[in-house]
Amino acid sequence: MSRYVEQWDEPVTAFMEPTDHSGANLDEEEIDPASLPFQLTVGSLIDSYVGRHLANRRLVLGCHSHRQNHLARLSGTPGALSFISYIAENAVKSRIQMARSTSKNFVVALRRHWWELGQERRHRAAIRQATGVR
């Protein structure tokens, strides 16, 4: 994020969803939001608040998440964000392999497999509406 701040001429904001538990990230660390060179905003990505928060933004970088597929629909409308660019971190094959490796139950693994395929279709539809992919 600091690199975005250095290279972007406008204010940079990180928009994150709240959580009540610790994640599984290896690089997880506690930070003081006041010490960041960018604004940190916490809110839900699936309610109307996100539309108001992202209104009039020139660029939004979204990730491959079922909670962000709808962001592309917000771009290009009057008073809405100008561009949405999705960042695809893992291929669908990798996500299916990860889901399979974390499921001991065959039925759960199969259900996750089908969910990942459905999510891939929804994400591709969002990418078609987006203005960029990175």
C-alpha atoms as a PDB file:
ATOM      1  CA  MET A   1       0.000   0.000   0.000  1.00  0.00           C
ATOM      2  CA  SER A   2       2.868   2.348   0.737  1.00  0.00           C
ATOM      3  CA  ARG A   3       4.024   2.000  -2.888  1.00  0.00           C
ATOM      4  CA  TYR A   4       0.567   3.032  -4.082  1.00  0.00           C
ATOM      5  CA  VAL A   5       0.778   6.111  -1.863  1.00  0.00           C
ATOM      6  CA  GLU A   6       4.181   6.982  -3.339  1.00  0.00           C
ATOM      7  CA  GLN A   7       3.035   6.606  -6.943  1.00  0.00           C
ATOM      8  CA  TRP A   8      -0.592   7.789  -6.827  1.00  0.00           C
ATOM      9  CA  ASP A   9      -1.374  11.516  -6.945  1.00  0.00           C
ATOM     10  CA  GLU A  10      -4.593  11.206  -4.956  1.00  0.00           C
ATOM     11  CA  PRO A  11      -5.416   9.959  -1.450  1.00  0.00           C
ATOM     12  CA  VAL A  12      -5.219   6.163  -1.021  1.00  0.00           C
ATOM     13  CA  THR A  13      -7.645   4.219   1.156  1.00  0.00           C
ATOM     14  CA  ALA A  14      -7.579   0.567   2.201  1.00  0.00           C
ATOM     15  CA  PHE A  15     -11.122  -0.719   2.660  1.00  0.00           C
ATOM     16  CA  MET A  16     -11.295  -3.865   4.799  1.00  0.00           C
ATOM     17  CA  GLU A  17     -14.073  -5.911   6.289  1.00  0.00           C
ATOM     18  CA  PRO A  18     -14.264  -6.377  10.059  1.00  0.00           C
ATOM     19  CA  THR A  19     -13.544  -9.758  11.585  1.00  0.00           C
ATOM     20  CA  ASP A  20     -13.945 -11.273  15.014  1.00  0.00           C
ATOM     21  CA  HIS A  21     -11.135 -13.815  14.699  1.00  0.00           C
ATOM     22  CA  SER A  22      -7.506 -14.075  13.742  1.00  0.00           C
ATOM     23  CA  GLY A  23      -6.683 -15.211  10.221  1.00  0.00           C
ATOM     24  CA  ALA A  24      -4.330 -17.930   9.064  1.00  0.00           C
ATOM     25  CA  ASN A  25      -1.858 -15.541   7.426  1.00  0.00           C
ATOM     26  CA  LEU A  26       1.750 -16.072   8.411  1.00  0.00           C
ATOM     27  CA  ASP A  27       2.532 -12.359   8.200  1.00  0.00           C
ATOM     28  CA  GLU A  28      -0.301 -11.207  10.455  1.00  0.00           C
ATOM     29  CA  GLU A  29       0.661  -8.360  12.764  1.00  0.00           C
ATOM     30  CA  GLU A  30      -1.100  -5.689  14.773  1.00  0.00           C
ATOM     31  CA  ILE A  31      -0.861  -2.121  13.465  1.00  0.00           C
ATOM     32  CA  ASP A  32      -1.879   1.353  14.577  1.00  0.00           C
ATOM     33  CA  PRO A  33      -4.083   2.827  11.808  1.00  0.00           C
ATOM     34  CA  ALA A  34      -2.871   6.344  12.658  1.00  0.00           C
ATOM     35  CA  SER A  35       0.691   5.323  11.739  1.00  0.00           C
ATOM     36  CA  LEU A  36      -0.241   4.341   8.161  1.00  0.00           C
ATOM     37  CA  PRO A  37       0.505   6.643   5.204  1.00  0.00           C
ATOM     38  CA  PHE A  38      -2.995   5.896   3.863  1.00  0.00           C
ATOM     39  CA  GLN A  39      -6.516   5.923   5.230  1.00  0.00           C
ATOM     40  CA  LEU A  40      -7.918   2.673   6.624  1.00  0.00           C
ATOM     41  CA  THR A  41     -11.680   2.208   6.462  1.00  0.00           C
ATOM     42  CA  VAL A  42     -13.527  -0.778   7.931  1.00  0.00           C
ATOM     43  CA  GLY A  43     -16.958  -1.763   6.666  1.00  0.00           C
ATOM     44  CA  SER A  44     -19.003  -4.445   4.939  1.00  0.00           C
ATOM     45  CA  LEU A  45     -18.408  -5.065   1.254  1.00  0.00           C
ATOM     46  CA  ILE A  46     -21.927  -6.338   0.657  1.00  0.00           C
ATOM     47  CA  ASP A  47     -24.134  -3.520   1.914  1.00  0.00           C
ATOM     48  CA  SER A  48     -24.948  -0.122   0.426  1.00  0.00           C
ATOM     49  CA  TYR A  49     -22.181   1.505   2.493  1.00  0.00           C
ATOM     50  CA  VAL A  50     -19.511   0.246   0.117  1.00  0.00           C
ATOM     51  CA  GLY A  51     -21.178   1.987  -2.829  1.00  0.00           C
ATOM     52  CA  ARG A  52     -21.233   5.295  -0.966  1.00  0.00           C
ATOM     53  CA  HIS A  53     -17.657   4.845   0.224  1.00  0.00           C
ATOM     54  CA  LEU A  54     -16.327   4.025  -3.247  1.00  0.00           C
ATOM     55  CA  ALA A  55     -18.314   6.753  -4.998  1.00  0.00           C
ATOM     56  CA  ASN A  56     -16.199   9.161  -7.042  1.00  0.00           C
ATOM     57  CA  ARG A  57     -13.031   7.068  -6.632  1.00  0.00           C
ATOM     58  CA  ARG A  58     -10.888   7.018  -9.745  1.00  0.00           C
ATOM     59  CA  LEU A  59      -9.609   3.478  -9.240  1.00  0.00           C
ATOM     60  CA  VAL A  60     -10.502   0.497  -7.068  1.00  0.00           C
ATOM     61  CA  LEU A  61      -8.397  -2.654  -6.881  1.00  0.00           C
ATOM     62  CA  GLY A  62     -10.509  -5.662  -5.976  1.00  0.00           C
ATOM     63  CA  CYS A  63      -9.473  -9.226  -5.341  1.00  0.00           C
ATOM     64  CA  HIS A  64     -10.834 -12.621  -6.312  1.00  0.00           C
ATOM     65  CA  SER A  65     -13.522 -12.899  -3.648  1.00  0.00           C
ATOM     66  CA  HIS A  66     -17.200 -13.773  -3.695  1.00  0.00           C
ATOM     67  CA  ARG A  67     -17.720 -10.658  -1.563  1.00  0.00           C
ATOM     68  CA  GLN A  68     -16.284  -8.397  -4.295  1.00  0.00           C
ATOM     69  CA  ASN A  69     -17.880  -9.728  -7.478  1.00  0.00           C
ATOM     70  CA  HIS A  70     -20.474  -6.953  -7.433  1.00  0.00           C
ATOM     71  CA  LEU A  71     -17.956  -4.083  -7.348  1.00  0.00           C
ATOM     72  CA  ALA A  72     -17.633  -3.988 -11.140  1.00  0.00           C
ATOM     73  CA  ARG A  73     -21.346  -3.118 -11.413  1.00  0.00           C
ATOM     74  CA  LEU A  74     -20.632   0.060  -9.433  1.00  0.00           C
ATOM     75  CA  SER A  75     -18.157   1.396 -11.994  1.00  0.00           C
ATOM     76  CA  GLY A  76     -19.144   3.629 -14.846  1.00  0.00           C
ATOM     77  CA  THR A  77     -22.379   4.951 -13.317  1.00  0.00           C
ATOM     78  CA  PRO A  78     -22.704   8.678 -12.562  1.00  0.00           C
ATOM     79  CA  GLY A  79     -21.186   9.508  -9.179  1.00  0.00           C
ATOM     80  CA  ALA A  80     -19.676   6.042  -8.892  1.00  0.00           C
ATOM     81  CA  LEU A  81     -16.115   4.853  -9.136  1.00  0.00           C
ATOM     82  CA  SER A  82     -14.403   5.261 -12.478  1.00  0.00           C
ATOM     83  CA  PHE A  83     -12.393   2.058 -12.806  1.00  0.00           C
ATOM     84  CA  ILE A  84     -12.365  -1.330 -11.151  1.00  0.00           C
ATOM     85  CA  SER A  85      -9.378  -3.591 -11.648  1.00  0.00           C
ATOM     86  CA  TYR A  86      -9.441  -7.109 -10.235  1.00  0.00           C
ATOM     87  CA  ILE A  87      -6.292  -8.775  -8.956  1.00  0.00           C
ATOM     88  CA  ALA A  88      -6.409 -12.532  -9.537  1.00  0.00           C
ATOM     89  CA  GLU A  89      -4.019 -14.216  -7.127  1.00  0.00           C
ATOM     90  CA  ASN A  90      -4.667 -17.923  -7.709  1.00  0.00           C
ATOM     91  CA  ALA A  91      -5.915 -19.853 -10.713  1.00  0.00           C
ATOM     92  CA  VAL A  92      -9.117 -21.832 -10.316  1.00  0.00           C
ATOM     93  CA  LYS A  93      -7.111 -25.092 -10.448  1.00  0.00           C
ATOM     94  CA  SER A  94      -4.997 -23.923  -7.479  1.00  0.00           C
ATOM     95  CA  ARG A  95      -8.067 -22.859  -5.485  1.00  0.00           C
ATOM     96  CA  ILE A  96      -9.715 -26.245  -6.094  1.00  0.00           C
ATOM     97  CA  GLN A  97      -6.537 -28.032  -5.004  1.00  0.00           C
ATOM     98  CA  MET A  98      -6.399 -25.917  -1.828  1.00  0.00           C
ATOM     99  CA  ALA A  99     -10.050 -26.663  -1.065  1.00  0.00           C
ATOM    100  CA  ARG A 100      -9.495 -30.376  -1.645  1.00  0.00           C
ATOM    101  CA  SER A 101      -6.374 -30.503   0.523  1.00  0.00           C
ATOM    102  CA  THR A 102      -8.162 -28.901   3.495  1.00  0.00           C
ATOM    103  CA  SER A 103     -11.212 -31.207   3.354  1.00  0.00           C
ATOM    104  CA  LYS A 104     -11.014 -34.676   4.815  1.00  0.00           C
ATOM    105  CA  ASN A 105     -14.658 -35.406   4.033  1.00  0.00           C
ATOM    106  CA  PHE A 106     -15.262 -36.349   0.368  1.00  0.00           C
ATOM    107  CA  VAL A 107     -18.707 -34.712   0.251  1.00  0.00           C
ATOM    108  CA  VAL A 108     -17.344 -31.441   1.677  1.00  0.00           C
ATOM    109  CA  ALA A 109     -14.440 -31.520  -0.791  1.00  0.00           C
ATOM    110  CA  LEU A 110     -16.856 -32.085  -3.680  1.00  0.00           C
ATOM    111  CA  ARG A 111     -19.096 -29.263  -2.492  1.00  0.00           C
ATOM    112  CA  ARG A 112     -16.078 -26.908  -2.265  1.00  0.00           C
ATOM    113  CA  HIS A 113     -14.961 -27.996  -5.727  1.00  0.00           C
ATOM    114  CA  TRP A 114     -18.345 -27.066  -7.212  1.00  0.00           C
ATOM    115  CA  TRP A 115     -18.453 -23.822  -5.209  1.00  0.00           C
ATOM    116  CA  GLU A 116     -15.034 -22.809  -6.598  1.00  0.00           C
ATOM    117  CA  LEU A 117     -16.202 -23.525 -10.163  1.00  0.00           C
ATOM    118  CA  GLY A 118     -19.315 -21.399  -9.580  1.00  0.00           C
ATOM    119  CA  GLN A 119     -17.233 -18.631  -8.029  1.00  0.00           C
ATOM    120  CA  GLU A 120     -14.950 -18.723 -11.068  1.00  0.00           C
ATOM    121  CA  ARG A 121     -17.956 -18.181 -13.365  1.00  0.00           C
ATOM    122  CA  ARG A 122     -19.189 -15.276 -11.204  1.00  0.00           C
ATOM    123  CA  HIS A 123     -15.711 -13.753 -11.064  1.00  0.00           C
ATOM    124  CA  ARG A 124     -15.261 -14.011 -14.837  1.00  0.00           C
ATOM    125  CA  ALA A 125     -18.583 -12.212 -15.278  1.00  0.00           C
ATOM    126  CA  ALA A 126     -17.322  -9.478 -12.933  1.00  0.00           C
ATOM    127  CA  ILE A 127     -14.058  -9.257 -14.887  1.00  0.00           C
ATOM    128  CA  ARG A 128     -16.036  -8.755 -18.113  1.00  0.00           C
ATOM    129  CA  GLN A 129     -17.690  -5.750 -16.443  1.00  0.00           C
ATOM    130  CA  ALA A 130     -14.431  -4.485 -14.946  1.00  0.00           C
ATOM    131  CA  THR A 131     -12.123  -2.025 -16.614  1.00  0.00           C
ATOM    132  CA  GLY A 132      -8.940  -3.975 -15.922  1.00  0.00           C
ATOM    133  CA  VAL A 133      -7.307  -7.135 -14.629  1.00  0.00           C
ATOM    134  CA  ARG A 134      -3.949  -7.308 -12.931  1.00  0.00           C
END
